[in-house]
C-alpha atoms as a PDB file:
ATOM      1  CA  MET A   1     190.221  39.201 -12.473  1.00  0.00           C
ATOM      2  CA  LYS A   2     193.563  37.743 -11.412  1.00  0.00           C
ATOM      3  CA  PHE A   3     197.037  39.225 -11.581  1.00  0.00           C
ATOM      4  CA  GLY A   4     200.381  37.479 -11.695  1.00  0.00           C
ATOM      5  CA  VAL A   5     203.961  38.643 -11.916  1.00  0.00           C
ATOM      6  CA  LEU A   6     206.785  37.095 -13.914  1.00  0.00           C
ATOM      7  CA  LEU A   7     210.030  37.246 -11.955  1.00  0.00           C
ATOM      8  CA  ARG A   8     212.583  36.519 -14.672  1.00  0.00           C
ATOM      9  CA  CYS A   9     215.444  36.293 -12.166  1.00  0.00           C
ATOM     10  CA  GLN A  10     217.724  37.503 -14.957  1.00  0.00           C
ATOM     11  CA  PHE A  11     220.585  39.862 -14.201  1.00  0.00           C
ATOM     12  CA  LEU A  12     223.691  41.264 -15.832  1.00  0.00           C
ATOM     13  CA  ARG A  13     226.440  38.717 -16.322  1.00  0.00           C
ATOM     14  CA  ASP A  14     228.946  40.391 -13.987  1.00  0.00           C
ATOM     15  CA  GLU A  15     226.593  40.669 -11.004  1.00  0.00           C
ATOM     16  CA  ASP A  16     227.024  38.557  -7.872  1.00  0.00           C
ATOM     17  CA  PRO A  17     224.715  35.527  -8.325  1.00  0.00           C
ATOM     18  CA  VAL A  18     224.165  35.047  -4.583  1.00  0.00           C
ATOM     19  CA  ARG A  19     223.025  38.643  -4.150  1.00  0.00           C
ATOM     20  CA  CYS A  20     220.879  38.383  -7.281  1.00  0.00           C
ATOM     21  CA  LEU A  21     218.976  35.430  -5.862  1.00  0.00           C
ATOM     22  CA  GLU A  22     218.511  37.263  -2.563  1.00  0.00           C
ATOM     23  CA  ASP A  23     216.936  40.077  -4.594  1.00  0.00           C
ATOM     24  CA  ALA A  24     214.715  37.513  -6.324  1.00  0.00           C
ATOM     25  CA  TRP A  25     213.487  36.206  -2.961  1.00  0.00           C
ATOM     26  CA  ARG A  26     212.756  39.798  -1.864  1.00  0.00           C
ATOM     27  CA  MET A  27     210.605  40.316  -4.958  1.00  0.00           C
ATOM     28  CA  THR A  28     208.909  36.966  -4.386  1.00  0.00           C
ATOM     29  CA  ARG A  29     207.994  37.780  -0.787  1.00  0.00           C
ATOM     30  CA  GLN A  30     206.734  41.200  -1.824  1.00  0.00           C
ATOM     31  CA  ALA A  31     204.578  39.817  -4.642  1.00  0.00           C
ATOM     32  CA  ASP A  32     202.941  37.346  -2.274  1.00  0.00           C
ATOM     33  CA  ALA A  33     202.372  39.985   0.416  1.00  0.00           C
ATOM     34  CA  LEU A  34     200.881  42.428  -2.111  1.00  0.00           C
ATOM     35  CA  GLY A  35     198.252  39.895  -3.164  1.00  0.00           C
ATOM     36  CA  PHE A  36     199.432  38.828  -6.616  1.00  0.00           C
ATOM     37  CA  ASP A  37     197.562  35.663  -7.545  1.00  0.00           C
ATOM     38  CA  SER A  38     200.477  33.962  -9.282  1.00  0.00           C
ATOM     39  CA  ILE A  39     204.253  34.180  -9.530  1.00  0.00           C
ATOM     40  CA  ALA A  40     205.993  32.934 -12.679  1.00  0.00           C
ATOM     41  CA  LYS A  41     209.560  31.981 -13.528  1.00  0.00           C
ATOM     42  CA  GLY A  42     210.622  31.303 -17.094  1.00  0.00           C
ATOM     43  CA  ASN A  43     213.577  29.320 -18.383  1.00  0.00           C
ATOM     44  CA  HIS A  44     216.171  29.550 -21.114  1.00  0.00           C
ATOM     45  CA  TYR A  45     219.547  27.877 -21.439  1.00  0.00           C
ATOM     46  CA  GLY A  46     223.033  28.876 -22.477  1.00  0.00           C
ATOM     47  CA  TYR A  47     222.844  32.655 -22.261  1.00  0.00           C
ATOM     48  CA  SER A  48     226.214  34.237 -22.971  1.00  0.00           C
ATOM     49  CA  ASP A  49     225.245  37.783 -22.036  1.00  0.00           C
ATOM     50  CA  LEU A  50     222.931  37.329 -19.025  1.00  0.00           C
ATOM     51  CA  LEU A  51     222.941  35.670 -15.634  1.00  0.00           C
ATOM     52  CA  ASP A  52     219.913  33.369 -15.406  1.00  0.00           C
ATOM     53  CA  PHE A  53     218.852  30.665 -12.962  1.00  0.00           C
ATOM     54  CA  ASN A  54     217.229  27.308 -13.605  1.00  0.00           C
ATOM     55  CA  GLN A  55     213.473  27.346 -13.339  1.00  0.00           C
ATOM     56  CA  MET A  56     212.656  24.303 -11.210  1.00  0.00           C
ATOM     57  CA  PRO A  57     214.858  24.887  -8.136  1.00  0.00           C
ATOM     58  CA  VAL A  58     213.997  28.591  -8.157  1.00  0.00           C
ATOM     59  CA  LEU A  59     210.271  27.817  -8.172  1.00  0.00           C
ATOM     60  CA  ALA A  60     210.786  25.314  -5.353  1.00  0.00           C
ATOM     61  CA  ARG A  61     212.296  28.088  -3.220  1.00  0.00           C
ATOM     62  CA  MET A  62     209.583  30.507  -4.335  1.00  0.00           C
ATOM     63  CA  ALA A  63     206.960  28.063  -3.063  1.00  0.00           C
ATOM     64  CA  VAL A  64     208.396  28.590   0.421  1.00  0.00           C
ATOM     65  CA  GLU A  65     208.987  32.337   0.098  1.00  0.00           C
ATOM     66  CA  ALA A  66     205.435  32.855  -1.246  1.00  0.00           C
ATOM     67  CA  PRO A  67     203.124  30.513   0.697  1.00  0.00           C
ATOM     68  CA  ARG A  68     199.911  31.851  -0.856  1.00  0.00           C
ATOM     69  CA  ALA A  69     200.346  32.605  -4.587  1.00  0.00           C
ATOM     70  CA  ARG A  70     200.092  30.028  -7.361  1.00  0.00           C
ATOM     71  CA  LEU A  71     203.366  29.150  -9.095  1.00  0.00           C
ATOM     72  CA  LEU A  72     203.665  29.197 -12.881  1.00  0.00           C
ATOM     73  CA  THR A  73     206.352  27.562 -14.967  1.00  0.00           C
ATOM     74  CA  GLY A  74     206.324  30.324 -17.506  1.00  0.00           C
ATOM     75  CA  VAL A  75     207.333  28.381 -19.586  1.00  0.00           C
ATOM     76  CA  VAL A  76     208.876  24.886 -19.776  1.00  0.00           C
ATOM     77  CA  LEU A  77     210.468  24.474 -23.215  1.00  0.00           C
ATOM     78  CA  LEU A  78     208.891  21.089 -23.633  1.00  0.00           C
ATOM     79  CA  SER A  79     210.429  20.161 -26.982  1.00  0.00           C
ATOM     80  CA  LEU A  80     213.872  20.014 -25.317  1.00  0.00           C
ATOM     81  CA  HIS A  81     213.077  17.568 -22.532  1.00  0.00           C
ATOM     82  CA  LYS A  82     212.018  14.004 -21.717  1.00  0.00           C
ATOM     83  CA  PRO A  83     208.566  13.336 -20.281  1.00  0.00           C
ATOM     84  CA  LEU A  84     209.362  11.208 -17.224  1.00  0.00           C
ATOM     85  CA  ASP A  85     211.849  13.769 -15.921  1.00  0.00           C
ATOM     86  CA  ILE A  86     209.505  16.725 -16.436  1.00  0.00           C
ATOM     87  CA  ALA A  87     206.471  14.850 -15.067  1.00  0.00           C
ATOM     88  CA  GLU A  88     208.310  14.071 -11.829  1.00  0.00           C
ATOM     89  CA  GLN A  89     209.857  17.548 -11.489  1.00  0.00           C
ATOM     90  CA  LEU A  90     206.481  19.221 -11.938  1.00  0.00           C
ATOM     91  CA  ALA A  91     204.722  16.781  -9.621  1.00  0.00           C
ATOM     92  CA  THR A  92     207.366  17.480  -6.983  1.00  0.00           C
ATOM     93  CA  LEU A  93     206.760  21.224  -7.338  1.00  0.00           C
ATOM     94  CA  ASP A  94     203.032  20.673  -6.973  1.00  0.00           C
ATOM     95  CA  VAL A  95     203.633  18.729  -3.762  1.00  0.00           C
ATOM     96  CA  ILE A  96     206.081  21.329  -2.396  1.00  0.00           C
ATOM     97  CA  SER A  97     203.496  24.065  -3.049  1.00  0.00           C
ATOM     98  CA  ASN A  98     200.558  21.932  -1.844  1.00  0.00           C
ATOM     99  CA  GLY A  99     198.737  22.037  -5.154  1.00  0.00           C
ATOM    100  CA  ARG A 100     199.527  25.563  -6.355  1.00  0.00           C
ATOM    101  CA  LEU A 101     201.382  24.742  -9.589  1.00  0.00           C
ATOM    102  CA  ILE A 102     200.390  25.931 -13.065  1.00  0.00           C
ATOM    103  CA  PHE A 103     202.216  24.047 -15.822  1.00  0.00           C
ATOM    104  CA  GLY A 104     203.116  26.525 -18.549  1.00  0.00           C
ATOM    105  CA  CYS A 105     204.802  25.092 -21.628  1.00  0.00           C
ATOM    106  CA  ALA A 106     205.833  26.074 -25.144  1.00  0.00           C
ATOM    107  CA  LEU A 107     208.044  25.034 -28.055  1.00  0.00           C
ATOM    108  CA  GLY A 108     211.099  27.225 -27.671  1.00  0.00           C
ATOM    109  CA  TYR A 109     212.835  29.019 -30.524  1.00  0.00           C
ATOM    110  CA  ARG A 110     216.570  29.533 -29.803  1.00  0.00           C
ATOM    111  CA  GLN A 111     218.828  27.406 -31.989  1.00  0.00           C
ATOM    112  CA  ALA A 112     221.486  27.352 -29.262  1.00  0.00           C
ATOM    113  CA  GLU A 113     219.075  25.519 -26.974  1.00  0.00           C
ATOM    114  CA  PHE A 114     218.180  22.860 -29.538  1.00  0.00           C
ATOM    115  CA  ASP A 115     221.881  22.362 -30.250  1.00  0.00           C
ATOM    116  CA  GLY A 116     222.695  22.154 -26.551  1.00  0.00           C
ATOM    117  CA  PHE A 117     220.061  19.483 -25.909  1.00  0.00           C
ATOM    118  CA  GLY A 118     220.855  17.509 -29.055  1.00  0.00           C
ATOM    119  CA  THR A 119     217.427  18.014 -30.595  1.00  0.00           C
ATOM    120  CA  GLY A 120     216.402  19.784 -33.786  1.00  0.00           C
ATOM    121  CA  GLN A 121     214.070  22.580 -34.770  1.00  0.00           C
ATOM    122  CA  ARG A 122     212.494  20.249 -37.325  1.00  0.00           C
ATOM    123  CA  ASP A 123     211.340  17.823 -34.614  1.00  0.00           C
ATOM    124  CA  ARG A 124     210.248  20.367 -32.032  1.00  0.00           C
ATOM    125  CA  VAL A 125     206.492  20.174 -32.731  1.00  0.00           C
ATOM    126  CA  PRO A 126     206.152  16.359 -32.680  1.00  0.00           C
ATOM    127  CA  ARG A 127     208.445  16.193 -29.644  1.00  0.00           C
ATOM    128  CA  LEU A 128     206.294  18.696 -27.746  1.00  0.00           C
ATOM    129  CA  GLU A 129     203.054  16.941 -28.669  1.00  0.00           C
ATOM    130  CA  GLU A 130     204.311  13.477 -27.760  1.00  0.00           C
ATOM    131  CA  ASN A 131     205.978  14.775 -24.605  1.00  0.00           C
ATOM    132  CA  LEU A 132     202.785  16.401 -23.346  1.00  0.00           C
ATOM    133  CA  LEU A 133     200.746  13.298 -24.153  1.00  0.00           C
ATOM    134  CA  VAL A 134     203.109  11.103 -22.139  1.00  0.00           C
ATOM    135  CA  ILE A 135     203.255  13.541 -19.203  1.00  0.00           C
ATOM    136  CA  LYS A 136     199.456  13.510 -18.948  1.00  0.00           C
ATOM    137  CA  ARG A 137     199.446   9.712 -19.056  1.00  0.00           C
ATOM    138  CA  LEU A 138     202.122   9.503 -16.362  1.00  0.00           C
ATOM    139  CA  TRP A 139     199.955  11.676 -14.132  1.00  0.00           C
ATOM    140  CA  THR A 140     196.718   9.777 -14.743  1.00  0.00           C
ATOM    141  CA  GLU A 141     197.565   6.099 -15.410  1.00  0.00           C
ATOM    142  CA  ALA A 142     198.911   3.484 -13.007  1.00  0.00           C
ATOM    143  CA  ARG A 143     201.546   2.173 -15.440  1.00  0.00           C
ATOM    144  CA  VAL A 144     202.476   3.738 -18.753  1.00  0.00           C
ATOM    145  CA  HIS A 145     203.506   1.734 -21.799  1.00  0.00           C
ATOM    146  CA  HIS A 146     204.447   4.040 -24.665  1.00  0.00           C
ATOM    147  CA  ASP A 147     206.213   3.205 -27.911  1.00  0.00           C
ATOM    148  CA  GLY A 148     206.441   6.530 -29.696  1.00  0.00           C
ATOM    149  CA  THR A 149     208.628   8.222 -32.261  1.00  0.00           C
ATOM    150  CA  HIS A 150     210.689  10.131 -29.709  1.00  0.00           C
ATOM    151  CA  PHE A 151     210.019   8.481 -26.342  1.00  0.00           C
ATOM    152  CA  LYS A 152     209.612   4.904 -25.140  1.00  0.00           C
ATOM    153  CA  LEU A 153     208.405   3.759 -21.721  1.00  0.00           C
ATOM    154  CA  GLU A 154     207.926   0.176 -20.555  1.00  0.00           C
ATOM    155  CA  GLY A 155     205.383  -0.055 -17.748  1.00  0.00           C
ATOM    156  CA  VAL A 156     206.573   3.108 -15.982  1.00  0.00           C
ATOM    157  CA  THR A 157     205.001   4.467 -12.798  1.00  0.00           C
ATOM    158  CA  PRO A 158     206.280   7.915 -11.773  1.00  0.00           C
ATOM    159  CA  GLY A 159     207.843   8.261  -8.350  1.00  0.00           C
ATOM    160  CA  VAL A 160     205.500  11.081  -7.363  1.00  0.00           C
ATOM    161  CA  LEU A 161     202.124  12.374  -8.559  1.00  0.00           C
ATOM    162  CA  PRO A 162     200.853  15.954  -8.420  1.00  0.00           C
ATOM    163  CA  VAL A 163     198.501  17.017  -5.637  1.00  0.00           C
ATOM    164  CA  GLN A 164     196.049  18.473  -8.165  1.00  0.00           C
ATOM    165  CA  ARG A 165     193.980  15.800  -9.858  1.00  0.00           C
ATOM    166  CA  PRO A 166     193.949  14.792 -12.586  1.00  0.00           C
ATOM    167  CA  HIS A 167     196.847  17.217 -13.052  1.00  0.00           C
ATOM    168  CA  PRO A 168     197.854  20.886 -12.670  1.00  0.00           C
ATOM    169  CA  PRO A 169     196.300  23.273 -15.199  1.00  0.00           C
ATOM    170  CA  ILE A 170     198.241  23.383 -18.463  1.00  0.00           C
ATOM    171  CA  TRP A 171     198.840  26.750 -20.121  1.00  0.00           C
ATOM    172  CA  MET A 172     200.463  26.660 -23.561  1.00  0.00           C
ATOM    173  CA  GLY A 173     202.306  29.704 -24.835  1.00  0.00           C
ATOM    174  CA  ALA A 174     201.971  30.438 -28.551  1.00  0.00           C
ATOM    175  CA  ASN A 175     202.815  33.331 -30.881  1.00  0.00           C
ATOM    176  CA  ALA A 176     201.900  31.940 -34.315  1.00  0.00           C
ATOM    177  CA  ASP A 177     198.502  30.763 -35.573  1.00  0.00           C
ATOM    178  CA  PRO A 178     199.453  27.050 -35.898  1.00  0.00           C
ATOM    179  CA  ALA A 179     200.782  27.068 -32.337  1.00  0.00           C
ATOM    180  CA  ILE A 180     197.570  28.695 -31.118  1.00  0.00           C
ATOM    181  CA  ARG A 181     195.546  25.901 -32.727  1.00  0.00           C
ATOM    182  CA  ARG A 182     197.834  23.426 -30.980  1.00  0.00           C
ATOM    183  CA  ALA A 183     197.161  25.131 -27.643  1.00  0.00           C
ATOM    184  CA  ALA A 184     193.426  24.789 -28.251  1.00  0.00           C
ATOM    185  CA  ARG A 185     193.784  21.068 -28.928  1.00  0.00           C
ATOM    186  CA  LEU A 186     196.288  20.057 -26.263  1.00  0.00           C
ATOM    187  CA  ALA A 187     196.210  22.517 -23.359  1.00  0.00           C
ATOM    188  CA  ASP A 188     193.717  23.835 -20.856  1.00  0.00           C
ATOM    189  CA  CYS A 189     194.190  27.350 -22.201  1.00  0.00           C
ATOM    190  CA  TRP A 190     196.276  29.531 -24.500  1.00  0.00           C
ATOM    191  CA  TYR A 191     198.798  31.636 -22.576  1.00  0.00           C
ATOM    192  CA  MET A 192     198.646  34.794 -24.684  1.00  0.00           C
ATOM    193  CA  PRO A 193     202.072  36.328 -25.398  1.00  0.00           C
ATOM    194  CA  ALA A 194     203.620  39.603 -24.339  1.00  0.00           C
ATOM    195  CA  HIS A 195     205.087  40.407 -27.735  1.00  0.00           C
ATOM    196  CA  ASN A 196     202.168  40.436 -30.185  1.00  0.00           C
ATOM    197  CA  LYS A 197     200.237  43.637 -30.818  1.00  0.00           C
ATOM    198  CA  VAL A 198     196.744  43.847 -29.354  1.00  0.00           C
ATOM    199  CA  GLN A 199     195.124  43.894 -32.804  1.00  0.00           C
ATOM    200  CA  THR A 200     197.045  40.742 -33.699  1.00  0.00           C
ATOM    201  CA  LEU A 201     195.851  39.048 -30.518  1.00  0.00           C
ATOM    202  CA  LEU A 202     192.231  39.964 -31.232  1.00  0.00           C
ATOM    203  CA  ARG A 203     192.493  38.291 -34.638  1.00  0.00           C
ATOM    204  CA  GLN A 204     194.247  35.294 -33.120  1.00  0.00           C
ATOM    205  CA  LEU A 205     191.506  34.899 -30.530  1.00  0.00           C
ATOM    206  CA  ASP A 206     189.192  34.063 -33.420  1.00  0.00           C
ATOM    207  CA  VAL A 207     191.701  31.413 -34.542  1.00  0.00           C
ATOM    208  CA  TYR A 208     191.684  30.011 -31.007  1.00  0.00           C
ATOM    209  CA  ARG A 209     187.886  29.993 -30.696  1.00  0.00           C
ATOM    210  CA  ARG A 210     187.421  28.272 -34.059  1.00  0.00           C
ATOM    211  CA  GLU A 211     189.867  25.522 -33.115  1.00  0.00           C
ATOM    212  CA  LEU A 212     188.167  25.047 -29.750  1.00  0.00           C
ATOM    213  CA  ASP A 213     184.837  24.705 -31.560  1.00  0.00           C
ATOM    214  CA  HIS A 214     186.383  22.187 -33.954  1.00  0.00           C
ATOM    215  CA  CYS A 215     187.593  20.150 -30.947  1.00  0.00           C
ATOM    216  CA  GLY A 216     184.243  20.420 -29.171  1.00  0.00           C
ATOM    217  CA  LYS A 217     185.825  22.337 -26.290  1.00  0.00           C
ATOM    218  CA  PRO A 218     184.379  25.435 -24.568  1.00  0.00           C
ATOM    219  CA  MET A 219     186.305  28.631 -23.979  1.00  0.00           C
ATOM    220  CA  PRO A 220     188.422  28.106 -20.868  1.00  0.00           C
ATOM    221  CA  GLU A 221     187.334  29.665 -17.612  1.00  0.00           C
ATOM    222  CA  GLU A 222     190.817  31.134 -17.227  1.00  0.00           C
ATOM    223  CA  LEU A 223     192.311  33.107 -20.133  1.00  0.00           C
ATOM    224  CA  PRO A 224     195.808  34.349 -19.260  1.00  0.00           C
ATOM    225  CA  MET A 225     198.021  36.907 -20.958  1.00  0.00           C
ATOM    226  CA  ARG A 226     201.506  38.183 -20.234  1.00  0.00           C
ATOM    227  CA  ARG A 227     202.465  41.815 -20.770  1.00  0.00           C
ATOM    228  CA  GLU A 228     205.394  44.117 -20.056  1.00  0.00           C
ATOM    229  CA  VAL A 229     204.080  46.580 -17.453  1.00  0.00           C
ATOM    230  CA  PHE A 230     205.674  49.438 -15.572  1.00  0.00           C
ATOM    231  CA  VAL A 231     203.813  51.933 -13.421  1.00  0.00           C
ATOM    232  CA  ALA A 232     205.106  55.102 -11.762  1.00  0.00           C
ATOM    233  CA  PRO A 233     203.497  58.309 -10.488  1.00  0.00           C
ATOM    234  CA  THR A 234     203.625  59.751 -14.039  1.00  0.00           C
ATOM    235  CA  ARG A 235     204.022  58.312 -17.536  1.00  0.00           C
ATOM    236  CA  ARG A 236     207.252  60.237 -17.977  1.00  0.00           C
ATOM    237  CA  GLU A 237     208.718  58.621 -14.855  1.00  0.00           C
ATOM    238  CA  ALA A 238     207.502  55.171 -15.919  1.00  0.00           C
ATOM    239  CA  ILE A 239     209.266  55.498 -19.273  1.00  0.00           C
ATOM    240  CA  GLU A 240     212.439  56.936 -17.755  1.00  0.00           C
ATOM    241  CA  ARG A 241     212.706  54.124 -15.198  1.00  0.00           C
ATOM    242  CA  SER A 242     211.982  51.223 -17.548  1.00  0.00           C
ATOM    243  CA  ARG A 243     213.155  52.371 -20.986  1.00  0.00           C
ATOM    244  CA  GLU A 244     216.799  51.262 -20.992  1.00  0.00           C
ATOM    245  CA  ALA A 245     216.157  47.823 -19.482  1.00  0.00           C
ATOM    246  CA  LEU A 246     213.232  47.171 -21.847  1.00  0.00           C
ATOM    247  CA  ALA A 247     215.260  48.303 -24.861  1.00  0.00           C
ATOM    248  CA  ASN A 248     218.116  45.970 -23.925  1.00  0.00           C
ATOM    249  CA  LYS A 249     215.759  43.053 -23.295  1.00  0.00           C
ATOM    250  CA  TYR A 250     213.988  43.404 -26.629  1.00  0.00           C
ATOM    251  CA  ARG A 251     217.242  43.799 -28.527  1.00  0.00           C
ATOM    252  CA  SER A 252     218.142  40.434 -27.016  1.00  0.00           C
ATOM    253  CA  TYR A 253     214.788  38.937 -28.076  1.00  0.00           C
ATOM    254  CA  HIS A 254     215.408  40.146 -31.631  1.00  0.00           C
ATOM    255  CA  ARG A 255     218.961  38.779 -31.644  1.00  0.00           C
ATOM    256  CA  TRP A 256     217.753  35.389 -30.376  1.00  0.00           C
ATOM    257  CA  GLY A 257     215.033  35.177 -33.039  1.00  0.00           C
ATOM    258  CA  GLN A 258     211.976  35.531 -30.800  1.00  0.00           C
ATOM    259  CA  ASP A 259     210.178  37.440 -33.566  1.00  0.00           C
ATOM    260  CA  LYS A 260     210.687  34.771 -36.250  1.00  0.00           C
ATOM    261  CA  PRO A 261     207.596  32.704 -35.269  1.00  0.00           C
ATOM    262  CA  MET A 262     205.422  35.794 -34.837  1.00  0.00           C
ATOM    263  CA  PRO A 263     202.757  36.616 -37.461  1.00  0.00           C
ATOM    264  CA  ALA A 264     203.761  38.510 -40.603  1.00  0.00           C
ATOM    265  CA  GLY A 265     203.414  42.246 -40.126  1.00  0.00           C
ATOM    266  CA  ASP A 266     203.929  41.875 -36.389  1.00  0.00           C
ATOM    267  CA  ASN A 267     207.323  40.222 -36.319  1.00  0.00           C
ATOM    268  CA  ASP A 268     209.928  42.937 -35.869  1.00  0.00           C
ATOM    269  CA  LEU A 269     211.145  43.227 -32.294  1.00  0.00           C
ATOM    270  CA  GLY A 270     214.230  44.999 -33.592  1.00  0.00           C
ATOM    271  CA  GLN A 271     212.421  48.288 -34.048  1.00  0.00           C
ATOM    272  CA  SER A 272     212.947  51.196 -31.658  1.00  0.00           C
ATOM    273  CA  VAL A 273     211.755  50.919 -28.078  1.00  0.00           C
ATOM    274  CA  ASP A 274     209.432  53.879 -28.760  1.00  0.00           C
ATOM    275  CA  ALA A 275     207.707  51.903 -31.514  1.00  0.00           C
ATOM    276  CA  LEU A 276     207.447  48.857 -29.253  1.00  0.00           C
ATOM    277  CA  MET A 277     205.910  50.986 -26.513  1.00  0.00           C
ATOM    278  CA  ALA A 278     203.096  52.070 -28.808  1.00  0.00           C
ATOM    279  CA  ASP A 279     201.151  48.798 -28.805  1.00  0.00           C
ATOM    280  CA  ARG A 280     203.043  46.163 -26.835  1.00  0.00           C
ATOM    281  CA  PHE A 281     204.039  47.626 -23.465  1.00  0.00           C
ATOM    282  CA  ILE A 282     201.771  48.981 -20.726  1.00  0.00           C
ATOM    283  CA  LEU A 283     203.454  52.008 -19.178  1.00  0.00           C
ATOM    284  CA  GLY A 284     202.277  55.066 -17.289  1.00  0.00           C
ATOM    285  CA  SER A 285     200.638  56.402 -14.169  1.00  0.00           C
ATOM    286  CA  PRO A 286     198.244  54.155 -12.228  1.00  0.00           C
ATOM    287  CA  ALA A 287     195.258  55.694 -14.014  1.00  0.00           C
ATOM    288  CA  GLU A 288     196.884  55.335 -17.445  1.00  0.00           C
ATOM    289  CA  VAL A 289     197.959  51.747 -16.824  1.00  0.00           C
ATOM    290  CA  THR A 290     194.461  50.913 -15.576  1.00  0.00           C
ATOM    291  CA  GLU A 291     192.888  52.236 -18.776  1.00  0.00           C
ATOM    292  CA  GLN A 292     195.405  50.393 -20.967  1.00  0.00           C
ATOM    293  CA  ILE A 293     194.669  47.111 -19.187  1.00  0.00           C
ATOM    294  CA  LEU A 294     190.916  47.613 -19.419  1.00  0.00           C
ATOM    295  CA  ALA A 295     191.303  48.343 -23.141  1.00  0.00           C
ATOM    296  CA  ILE A 296     192.917  44.900 -23.514  1.00  0.00           C
ATOM    297  CA  CYS A 297     190.802  42.849 -21.125  1.00  0.00           C
ATOM    298  CA  ARG A 298     187.379  44.084 -22.205  1.00  0.00           C
ATOM    299  CA  PRO A 299     187.566  42.964 -25.863  1.00  0.00           C
ATOM    300  CA  THR A 300     189.702  39.865 -25.273  1.00  0.00           C
ATOM    301  CA  GLY A 301     188.134  38.442 -22.134  1.00  0.00           C
ATOM    302  CA  VAL A 302     191.553  38.053 -20.518  1.00  0.00           C
ATOM    303  CA  ASN A 303     191.037  37.398 -16.808  1.00  0.00           C
ATOM    304  CA  HIS A 304     194.549  36.538 -15.600  1.00  0.00           C
ATOM    305  CA  LEU A 305     197.175  39.142 -16.497  1.00  0.00           C
ATOM    306  CA  VAL A 306     200.784  38.201 -15.768  1.00  0.00           C
ATOM    307  CA  ILE A 307     202.932  41.325 -15.694  1.00  0.00           C
ATOM    308  CA  SER A 308     206.701  41.528 -15.988  1.00  0.00           C
ATOM    309  CA  THR A 309     208.375  44.584 -14.488  1.00  0.00           C
ATOM    310  CA  HIS A 310     212.003  43.770 -13.697  1.00  0.00           C
ATOM    311  CA  ASN A 311     214.526  43.329 -16.503  1.00  0.00           C
ATOM    312  CA  PRO A 312     218.308  42.872 -16.416  1.00  0.00           C
ATOM    313  CA  GLY A 313     220.076  46.107 -15.560  1.00  0.00           C
ATOM    314  CA  MET A 314     217.146  47.570 -13.624  1.00  0.00           C
ATOM    315  CA  ASP A 315     217.567  48.309  -9.946  1.00  0.00           C
ATOM    316  CA  VAL A 316     215.475  45.775  -8.050  1.00  0.00           C
ATOM    317  CA  GLN A 317     214.010  48.409  -5.734  1.00  0.00           C
ATOM    318  CA  VAL A 318     212.757  50.368  -8.759  1.00  0.00           C
ATOM    319  CA  ALA A 319     210.912  47.264  -9.946  1.00  0.00           C
ATOM    320  CA  MET A 320     209.539  46.605  -6.464  1.00  0.00           C
ATOM    321  CA  ASP A 321     208.226  50.164  -6.221  1.00  0.00           C
ATOM    322  CA  SER A 322     206.397  49.632  -9.517  1.00  0.00           C
ATOM    323  CA  MET A 323     204.966  46.315  -8.292  1.00  0.00           C
ATOM    324  CA  GLN A 324     203.695  47.966  -5.123  1.00  0.00           C
ATOM    325  CA  LEU A 325     202.034  50.834  -6.986  1.00  0.00           C
ATOM    326  CA  PHE A 326     200.479  48.346  -9.400  1.00  0.00           C
ATOM    327  CA  ALA A 327     199.083  46.194  -6.595  1.00  0.00           C
ATOM    328  CA  GLU A 328     197.795  49.054  -4.476  1.00  0.00           C
ATOM    329  CA  GLU A 329     196.256  51.239  -7.180  1.00  0.00           C
ATOM    330  CA  VAL A 330     195.954  49.424 -10.504  1.00  0.00           C
ATOM    331  CA  MET A 331     194.678  45.999  -9.444  1.00  0.00           C
ATOM    332  CA  PRO A 332     191.628  47.276  -7.529  1.00  0.00           C
ATOM    333  CA  ALA A 333     190.851  49.849 -10.226  1.00  0.00           C
ATOM    334  CA  VAL A 334     190.909  47.233 -12.996  1.00  0.00           C
ATOM    335  CA  ARG A 335     188.689  44.886 -11.002  1.00  0.00           C
ATOM    336  CA  ALA A 336     186.236  47.713 -10.398  1.00  0.00           C
ATOM    337  CA  GLY A 337     186.246  48.609 -14.100  1.00  0.00           C
ATOM    338  CA  LEU A 338     185.422  45.160 -15.458  1.00  0.00           C
END
């Protein structure tokens, strides 16, 4: 059983960006020292209400601050980008980290991002599929000739190749059933989302398995999931310390339309934080958090849990205290219970 931590590196808009990044490096060093197996950084563009930092340079610095843990792009919004650029950026990260990169990717959903990159929601699926195909070819072929709908390359050889051969593992994030089938076809594994209820994920695992069978592919050795997690000495303290930041974060998700691609009946992130806590967040004492994780991992087979603890507006030391308690008490207890 492996454990990762998503360091969003998102802060309130009026905070000092230099100090915020120093806090991010503190969390990175702590995560590596505590024995987390992976450290993730996501990416969105054009926030008006949050301070956020670009994924690739942050991960490059994290590779130095955390010399042991794997590094996860969690996730690259692949439908926005061009394949040669992303292939070389990711290969560079894999070299900087000496082969520790995990390539996480997904479609994206915010209209502001599609507008900002001059692409459209209508084309996002074919762009992602063609983009990923070309990236794989750039990493595995000497010269790439590609005449596609969205991208054209004439005998291109990338300037750098990843250390991992044939390429870093590819995790594809997906909320909706069609996207889960796409992950089965195109990626090394489905990166299970933080937002869907556990019962929804259990049903969707059947969707994933059936598509793998249809493609003649086995279940992946690594099955990752992300979840919002906060641990404190008592459940009451865990809720008190995380409630406001989680409520603000999920109001933002709802405003941005994160719940639109989620399955019917499980697509309202605008409900109260108490309702969201019931079957989406993992909160409590070390013993309670351990049991909640075991209740997810046993029926799903998840064996790489990526937790997210810090949200904008939360004191960084509060998040670091939760990370330490999780690493020291929850991680060994979960491993012993599986």
